[in-house]
PDB file of N, CA and C in Angstrom:
ATOM      1  N   UNK A   1      72.489  89.835  90.741  1.00  0.00           N
ATOM      2  CA  UNK A   1      72.026  90.068  89.650  1.00  0.00           C
ATOM      3  C   UNK A   1      70.864  89.720  88.540  1.00  0.00           C
ATOM      4  N   UNK A   2      70.623  90.052  88.311  1.00  0.00           N
ATOM      5  CA  UNK A   2      69.373  88.710  87.570  1.00  0.00           C
ATOM      6  C   UNK A   2      69.456  88.415  86.089  1.00  0.00           C
ATOM      7  N   UNK A   3      68.900  87.570  86.128  1.00  0.00           N
ATOM      8  CA  UNK A   3      69.026  87.603  84.524  1.00  0.00           C
ATOM      9  C   UNK A   3      69.604  88.599  83.485  1.00  0.00           C
ATOM     10  N   UNK A   4      68.057  88.857  83.730  1.00  0.00           N
ATOM     11  CA  UNK A   4      67.913  90.690  83.312  1.00  0.00           C
ATOM     12  C   UNK A   4      68.694  91.514  82.936  1.00  0.00           C
ATOM     13  N   UNK A   5      69.180  91.388  83.760  1.00  0.00           N
ATOM     14  CA  UNK A   5      71.014  92.223  83.745  1.00  0.00           C
ATOM     15  C   UNK A   5      71.734  92.175  83.935  1.00  0.00           C
ATOM     16  N   UNK A   6      71.718  90.756  83.375  1.00  0.00           N
ATOM     17  CA  UNK A   6      73.065  90.309  83.054  1.00  0.00           C
ATOM     18  C   UNK A   6      73.116  89.811  81.361  1.00  0.00           C
ATOM     19  N   UNK A   7      71.944  90.324  80.902  1.00  0.00           N
ATOM     20  CA  UNK A   7      71.894  90.295  79.191  1.00  0.00           C
ATOM     21  C   UNK A   7      72.228  91.579  79.202  1.00  0.00           C
ATOM     22  N   UNK A   8      71.247  92.602  80.191  1.00  0.00           N
ATOM     23  CA  UNK A   8      71.614  94.059  79.631  1.00  0.00           C
ATOM     24  C   UNK A   8      73.086  94.694  79.918  1.00  0.00           C
ATOM     25  N   UNK A   9      73.762  93.828  80.346  1.00  0.00           N
ATOM     26  CA  UNK A   9      74.969  93.652  80.406  1.00  0.00           C
ATOM     27  C   UNK A   9      76.109  93.576  80.006  1.00  0.00           C
ATOM     28  N   UNK A  10      75.276  92.429  79.418  1.00  0.00           N
ATOM     29  CA  UNK A  10      76.269  91.648  78.435  1.00  0.00           C
ATOM     30  C   UNK A  10      77.383  92.205  76.537  1.00  0.00           C
ATOM     31  N   UNK A  11      76.772  93.605  76.420  1.00  0.00           N
ATOM     32  CA  UNK A  11      77.452  93.994  75.125  1.00  0.00           C
ATOM     33  C   UNK A  11      79.187  94.905  76.234  1.00  0.00           C
ATOM     34  N   UNK A  12      78.831  94.748  77.228  1.00  0.00           N
ATOM     35  CA  UNK A  12      80.328  95.651  78.253  1.00  0.00           C
ATOM     36  C   UNK A  12      80.595  94.407  78.106  1.00  0.00           C
ATOM     37  N   UNK A  13      80.872  92.906  78.400  1.00  0.00           N
ATOM     38  CA  UNK A  13      80.988  92.235  79.362  1.00  0.00           C
ATOM     39  C   UNK A  13      83.016  92.146  78.394  1.00  0.00           C
ATOM     40  N   UNK A  14      83.244  92.576  77.114  1.00  0.00           N
ATOM     41  CA  UNK A  14      84.788  92.982  76.428  1.00  0.00           C
ATOM     42  C   UNK A  14      85.616  93.659  77.259  1.00  0.00           C
ATOM     43  N   UNK A  15      84.404  95.114  78.142  1.00  0.00           N
ATOM     44  CA  UNK A  15      85.331  96.134  78.666  1.00  0.00           C
ATOM     45  C   UNK A  15      85.403  96.028  79.477  1.00  0.00           C
ATOM     46  N   UNK A  16      84.551  95.208  80.466  1.00  0.00           N
ATOM     47  CA  UNK A  16      84.407  95.279  82.008  1.00  0.00           C
ATOM     48  C   UNK A  16      85.949  93.985  81.744  1.00  0.00           C
ATOM     49  N   UNK A  17      86.042  93.341  80.689  1.00  0.00           N
ATOM     50  CA  UNK A  17      87.459  92.013  80.854  1.00  0.00           C
ATOM     51  C   UNK A  17      88.338  92.255  80.793  1.00  0.00           C
ATOM     52  N   UNK A  18      88.610  93.436  80.254  1.00  0.00           N
ATOM     53  CA  UNK A  18      89.766  94.063  79.824  1.00  0.00           C
ATOM     54  C   UNK A  18      89.681  95.039  80.597  1.00  0.00           C
ATOM     55  N   UNK A  19      89.305  95.794  81.491  1.00  0.00           N
ATOM     56  CA  UNK A  19      89.538  95.750  82.805  1.00  0.00           C
ATOM     57  C   UNK A  19      89.919  95.326  83.745  1.00  0.00           C
ATOM     58  N   UNK A  20      89.134  94.366  84.195  1.00  0.00           N
ATOM     59  CA  UNK A  20      89.541  93.261  85.193  1.00  0.00           C
ATOM     60  C   UNK A  20      91.820  92.826  84.637  1.00  0.00           C
ATOM     61  N   UNK A  21      91.284  92.559  83.619  1.00  0.00           N
ATOM     62  CA  UNK A  21      93.159  92.328  83.240  1.00  0.00           C
ATOM     63  C   UNK A  21      93.490  93.432  83.465  1.00  0.00           C
ATOM     64  N   UNK A  22      93.735  94.114  83.251  1.00  0.00           N
ATOM     65  CA  UNK A  22      94.099  95.606  84.105  1.00  0.00           C
ATOM     66  C   UNK A  22      94.328  95.717  85.402  1.00  0.00           C
ATOM     67  N   UNK A  23      93.259  95.598  85.734  1.00  0.00           N
ATOM     68  CA  UNK A  23      93.935  95.872  87.243  1.00  0.00           C
ATOM     69  C   UNK A  23      94.265  94.820  87.960  1.00  0.00           C
ATOM     70  N   UNK A  24      94.379  93.781  87.020  1.00  0.00           N
ATOM     71  CA  UNK A  24      95.291  92.200  87.470  1.00  0.00           C
ATOM     72  C   UNK A  24      96.673  92.630  87.252  1.00  0.00           C
ATOM     73  N   UNK A  25      97.198  92.965  85.976  1.00  0.00           N
ATOM     74  CA  UNK A  25      98.402  93.297  85.756  1.00  0.00           C
ATOM     75  C   UNK A  25      98.692  94.179  86.662  1.00  0.00           C
ATOM     76  N   UNK A  26      97.859  95.263  87.078  1.00  0.00           N
ATOM     77  CA  UNK A  26      98.336  96.689  87.720  1.00  0.00           C
ATOM     78  C   UNK A  26      98.907  95.850  89.589  1.00  0.00           C
ATOM     79  N   UNK A  27      97.860  95.363  90.072  1.00  0.00           N
ATOM     80  CA  UNK A  27      98.321  94.504  91.073  1.00  0.00           C
ATOM     81  C   UNK A  27      99.695  94.081  91.098  1.00  0.00           C
ATOM     82  N   UNK A  28      99.455  93.616  90.461  1.00  0.00           N
ATOM     83  CA  UNK A  28     101.352  92.569  90.012  1.00  0.00           C
ATOM     84  C   UNK A  28     102.538  93.555  90.214  1.00  0.00           C
ATOM     85  N   UNK A  29     101.914  94.369  89.356  1.00  0.00           N
ATOM     86  CA  UNK A  29     103.418  95.290  88.943  1.00  0.00           C
ATOM     87  C   UNK A  29     103.565  95.924  90.476  1.00  0.00           C
ATOM     88  N   UNK A  30     102.590  96.277  91.098  1.00  0.00           N
ATOM     89  CA  UNK A  30     102.823  97.462  92.202  1.00  0.00           C
ATOM     90  C   UNK A  30     102.984  95.953  93.506  1.00  0.00           C
ATOM     91  N   UNK A  31     102.954  94.220  93.384  1.00  0.00           N
ATOM     92  CA  UNK A  31     103.350  93.971  93.949  1.00  0.00           C
ATOM     93  C   UNK A  31     105.134  93.757  94.200  1.00  0.00           C
ATOM     94  N   UNK A  32     105.242  93.464  92.783  1.00  0.00           N
ATOM     95  CA  UNK A  32     106.441  93.323  92.510  1.00  0.00           C
ATOM     96  C   UNK A  32     107.760  93.913  92.825  1.00  0.00           C
ATOM     97  N   UNK A  33     106.529  95.786  92.489  1.00  0.00           N
ATOM     98  CA  UNK A  33     107.685  96.818  93.036  1.00  0.00           C
ATOM     99  C   UNK A  33     107.913  97.535  94.314  1.00  0.00           C
ATOM    100  N   UNK A  34     106.918  96.890  94.991  1.00  0.00           N
ATOM    101  CA  UNK A  34     107.402  96.923  96.136  1.00  0.00           C
ATOM    102  C   UNK A  34     107.449  95.431  97.181  1.00  0.00           C
ATOM    103  N   UNK A  35     108.130  94.129  96.625  1.00  0.00           N
ATOM    104  CA  UNK A  35     109.002  92.910  96.873  1.00  0.00           C
ATOM    105  C   UNK A  35     110.132  93.555  97.538  1.00  0.00           C
ATOM    106  N   UNK A  36     110.631  93.620  98.973  1.00  0.00           N
ATOM    107  CA  UNK A  36     112.171  94.229  98.865  1.00  0.00           C
ATOM    108  C   UNK A  36     113.171  92.728  98.310  1.00  0.00           C
ATOM    109  N   UNK A  37     113.033  91.348  98.200  1.00  0.00           N
ATOM    110  CA  UNK A  37     113.679  90.234  97.291  1.00  0.00           C
ATOM    111  C   UNK A  37     113.857  91.654  95.840  1.00  0.00           C
ATOM    112  N   UNK A  38     113.310  91.870  95.375  1.00  0.00           N
ATOM    113  CA  UNK A  38     113.280  92.793  93.827  1.00  0.00           C
ATOM    114  C   UNK A  38     114.652  93.289  94.102  1.00  0.00           C
ATOM    115  N   UNK A  39     114.191  94.546  94.838  1.00  0.00           N
ATOM    116  CA  UNK A  39     114.743  95.199  95.337  1.00  0.00           C
ATOM    117  C   UNK A  39     116.195  95.116  95.442  1.00  0.00           C
ATOM    118  N   UNK A  40     116.506  94.035  96.354  1.00  0.00           N
ATOM    119  CA  UNK A  40     117.708  93.574  96.783  1.00  0.00           C
ATOM    120  C   UNK A  40     118.296  93.079  95.623  1.00  0.00           C
ATOM    121  N   UNK A  41     117.687  92.015  94.770  1.00  0.00           N
ATOM    122  CA  UNK A  41     118.832  91.655  93.351  1.00  0.00           C
ATOM    123  C   UNK A  41     118.671  92.658  92.382  1.00  0.00           C
ATOM    124  N   UNK A  42     117.332  93.878  92.630  1.00  0.00           N
ATOM    125  CA  UNK A  42     117.833  94.966  90.992  1.00  0.00           C
ATOM    126  C   UNK A  42     119.385  94.955  92.257  1.00  0.00           C
ATOM    127  N   UNK A  43     119.375  95.668  93.232  1.00  0.00           N
ATOM    128  CA  UNK A  43     121.197  96.454  94.174  1.00  0.00           C
ATOM    129  C   UNK A  43     121.811  95.300  93.422  1.00  0.00           C
ATOM    130  N   UNK A  44     122.148  94.121  93.522  1.00  0.00           N
ATOM    131  CA  UNK A  44     122.604  92.898  93.621  1.00  0.00           C
ATOM    132  C   UNK A  44     123.673  93.318  91.560  1.00  0.00           C
ATOM    133  N   UNK A  45     122.410  93.123  90.726  1.00  0.00           N
ATOM    134  CA  UNK A  45     122.774  93.355  89.532  1.00  0.00           C
ATOM    135  C   UNK A  45     123.050  94.769  89.277  1.00  0.00           C
ATOM    136  N   UNK A  46     122.823  95.668  90.022  1.00  0.00           N
ATOM    137  CA  UNK A  46     123.624  96.811  89.782  1.00  0.00           C
ATOM    138  C   UNK A  46     124.597  96.470  90.009  1.00  0.00           C
ATOM    139  N   UNK A  47     124.964  95.792  91.049  1.00  0.00           N
ATOM    140  CA  UNK A  47     126.791  96.676  91.967  1.00  0.00           C
ATOM    141  C   UNK A  47     127.927  95.240  90.223  1.00  0.00           C
ATOM    142  N   UNK A  48     127.048  94.433  90.096  1.00  0.00           N
ATOM    143  CA  UNK A  48     127.627  93.763  89.461  1.00  0.00           C
ATOM    144  C   UNK A  48     127.448  94.188  87.951  1.00  0.00           C
ATOM    145  N   UNK A  49     127.137  95.396  88.052  1.00  0.00           N
ATOM    146  CA  UNK A  49     127.010  95.697  86.671  1.00  0.00           C
ATOM    147  C   UNK A  49     128.457  96.962  86.722  1.00  0.00           C
ATOM    148  N   UNK A  50     128.236  97.940  87.790  1.00  0.00           N
ATOM    149  CA  UNK A  50     129.668  98.502  87.884  1.00  0.00           C
ATOM    150  C   UNK A  50     130.637  98.127  88.107  1.00  0.00           C
ATOM    151  N   UNK A  51     130.591  96.692  88.901  1.00  0.00           N
ATOM    152  CA  UNK A  51     132.200  96.072  88.992  1.00  0.00           C
ATOM    153  C   UNK A  51     132.474  95.635  87.333  1.00  0.00           C
ATOM    154  N   UNK A  52     131.990  95.472  86.685  1.00  0.00           N
ATOM    155  CA  UNK A  52     131.944  95.182  85.664  1.00  0.00           C
ATOM    156  C   UNK A  52     132.240  96.548  84.129  1.00  0.00           C
ATOM    157  N   UNK A  53     132.371  97.049  84.975  1.00  0.00           N
ATOM    158  CA  UNK A  53     132.361  98.586  84.070  1.00  0.00           C
ATOM    159  C   UNK A  53     131.381  98.587  82.606  1.00  0.00           C
ATOM    160  N   UNK A  54     130.153  98.383  82.799  1.00  0.00           N
ATOM    161  CA  UNK A  54     129.356  98.124  82.650  1.00  0.00           C
ATOM    162  C   UNK A  54     128.628  99.416  82.536  1.00  0.00           C
ATOM    163  N   UNK A  55     128.388 100.615  83.313  1.00  0.00           N
ATOM    164  CA  UNK A  55     128.247 101.457  84.086  1.00  0.00           C
ATOM    165  C   UNK A  55     129.419 102.481  84.696  1.00  0.00           C
ATOM    166  N   UNK A  56     128.580 104.026  84.670  1.00  0.00           N
ATOM    167  CA  UNK A  56     130.016 104.657  85.401  1.00  0.00           C
ATOM    168  C   UNK A  56     129.379 104.529  86.908  1.00  0.00           C
ATOM    169  N   UNK A  57     130.503 105.559  87.858  1.00  0.00           N
ATOM    170  CA  UNK A  57     129.666 106.028  88.984  1.00  0.00           C
ATOM    171  C   UNK A  57     128.828 107.140  89.848  1.00  0.00           C
ATOM    172  N   UNK A  58     128.405 107.761  88.498  1.00  0.00           N
ATOM    173  CA  UNK A  58     127.643 108.538  88.190  1.00  0.00           C
ATOM    174  C   UNK A  58     126.231 107.949  88.421  1.00  0.00           C
ATOM    175  N   UNK A  59     126.421 106.557  87.217  1.00  0.00           N
ATOM    176  CA  UNK A  59     125.129 105.997  87.481  1.00  0.00           C
ATOM    177  C   UNK A  59     124.453 104.837  88.188  1.00  0.00           C
ATOM    178  N   UNK A  60     125.640 104.178  88.872  1.00  0.00           N
ATOM    179  CA  UNK A  60     125.253 103.602  89.323  1.00  0.00           C
ATOM    180  C   UNK A  60     124.933 103.822  91.058  1.00  0.00           C
ATOM    181  N   UNK A  61     125.316 105.104  91.167  1.00  0.00           N
ATOM    182  CA  UNK A  61     125.390 106.298  92.197  1.00  0.00           C
ATOM    183  C   UNK A  61     123.595 106.723  92.297  1.00  0.00           C
ATOM    184  N   UNK A  62     122.926 106.668  91.142  1.00  0.00           N
ATOM    185  CA  UNK A  62     121.891 107.467  91.023  1.00  0.00           C
ATOM    186  C   UNK A  62     120.646 106.536  91.335  1.00  0.00           C
ATOM    187  N   UNK A  63     121.331 105.646  90.469  1.00  0.00           N
ATOM    188  CA  UNK A  63     121.044 103.865  90.761  1.00  0.00           C
ATOM    189  C   UNK A  63     120.091 103.045  91.916  1.00  0.00           C
ATOM    190  N   UNK A  64     121.947 103.403  93.024  1.00  0.00           N
ATOM    191  CA  UNK A  64     121.667 103.208  94.030  1.00  0.00           C
ATOM    192  C   UNK A  64     120.560 103.474  94.591  1.00  0.00           C
ATOM    193  N   UNK A  65     120.670 104.919  94.822  1.00  0.00           N
ATOM    194  CA  UNK A  65     119.595 106.085  95.710  1.00  0.00           C
ATOM    195  C   UNK A  65     118.454 105.536  95.537  1.00  0.00           C
ATOM    196  N   UNK A  66     117.847 105.401  94.247  1.00  0.00           N
ATOM    197  CA  UNK A  66     116.579 105.781  94.158  1.00  0.00           C
ATOM    198  C   UNK A  66     116.397 103.786  94.495  1.00  0.00           C
ATOM    199  N   UNK A  67     117.102 102.730  94.103  1.00  0.00           N
ATOM    200  CA  UNK A  67     116.384 101.700  95.173  1.00  0.00           C
ATOM    201  C   UNK A  67     116.512 101.397  96.386  1.00  0.00           C
ATOM    202  N   UNK A  68     117.343 102.034  96.661  1.00  0.00           N
ATOM    203  CA  UNK A  68     117.678 102.529  98.159  1.00  0.00           C
ATOM    204  C   UNK A  68     116.180 103.291  99.152  1.00  0.00           C
ATOM    205  N   UNK A  69     115.583 104.240  98.767  1.00  0.00           N
ATOM    206  CA  UNK A  69     114.727 105.336  98.087  1.00  0.00           C
ATOM    207  C   UNK A  69     113.462 104.264  98.644  1.00  0.00           C
ATOM    208  N   UNK A  70     113.304 102.748  97.449  1.00  0.00           N
ATOM    209  CA  UNK A  70     111.922 101.961  97.063  1.00  0.00           C
ATOM    210  C   UNK A  70     111.989 101.478  98.480  1.00  0.00           C
ATOM    211  N   UNK A  71     113.549 100.483  98.762  1.00  0.00           N
ATOM    212  CA  UNK A  71     113.059 100.175 100.311  1.00  0.00           C
ATOM    213  C   UNK A  71     113.243 100.435 100.888  1.00  0.00           C
ATOM    214  N   UNK A  72     113.228 102.226 101.036  1.00  0.00           N
ATOM    215  CA  UNK A  72     112.900 103.031 102.563  1.00  0.00           C
ATOM    216  C   UNK A  72     111.094 103.092 102.607  1.00  0.00           C
ATOM    217  N   UNK A  73     111.244 102.868 101.117  1.00  0.00           N
ATOM    218  CA  UNK A  73     109.546 103.149 101.072  1.00  0.00           C
ATOM    219  C   UNK A  73     108.706 101.822 101.791  1.00  0.00           C
ATOM    220  N   UNK A  74     109.569 100.795 101.326  1.00  0.00           N
ATOM    221  CA  UNK A  74     108.390  99.633 101.368  1.00  0.00           C
ATOM    222  C   UNK A  74     109.108  99.406 103.338  1.00  0.00           C
ATOM    223  N   UNK A  75     109.981  99.880 103.574  1.00  0.00           N
ATOM    224  CA  UNK A  75     110.048  99.273 105.491  1.00  0.00           C
ATOM    225  C   UNK A  75     109.144 100.406 105.793  1.00  0.00           C
ATOM    226  N   UNK A  76     108.522 101.242 105.071  1.00  0.00           N
ATOM    227  CA  UNK A  76     107.765 102.722 105.839  1.00  0.00           C
ATOM    228  C   UNK A  76     106.113 102.056 105.520  1.00  0.00           C
ATOM    229  N   UNK A  77     105.921 101.552 104.781  1.00  0.00           N
ATOM    230  CA  UNK A  77     104.800 101.145 104.285  1.00  0.00           C
ATOM    231  C   UNK A  77     104.348  99.737 105.341  1.00  0.00           C
ATOM    232  N   UNK A  78     105.643  99.105 105.261  1.00  0.00           N
ATOM    233  CA  UNK A  78     104.964  97.746 106.250  1.00  0.00           C
ATOM    234  C   UNK A  78     104.880  98.042 107.582  1.00  0.00           C
ATOM    235  N   UNK A  79     104.956  99.689 108.186  1.00  0.00           N
ATOM    236  CA  UNK A  79     105.624  99.678 109.428  1.00  0.00           C
ATOM    237  C   UNK A  79     104.164 100.667 109.435  1.00  0.00           C
ATOM    238  N   UNK A  80     103.683 100.972 108.818  1.00  0.00           N
ATOM    239  CA  UNK A  80     101.934 101.463 108.525  1.00  0.00           C
ATOM    240  C   UNK A  80     101.089 100.418 108.569  1.00  0.00           C
ATOM    241  N   UNK A  81     101.272  99.291 107.869  1.00  0.00           N
ATOM    242  CA  UNK A  81      99.878  98.930 108.346  1.00  0.00           C
ATOM    243  C   UNK A  81      99.876  97.417 109.378  1.00  0.00           C
TER     244      UNK A  81
END
């Protein structure tokens, strides 16, 4: 893009910068969401909380199912890539 184009788009620079930051945050959040080591660490913390009596069995089962579903999704994503 030439100098004239850059000058015309200059007023939109803050918006473009904010959009870039939001894309970076979304990409990092997705990377962490689909990282199997993060999910396994969450499973370990969940088990520790259950063992310590911080959560009941129903809450443990519900959260464990969610985390295991995430691990399954991660495995399916890896197989299709």
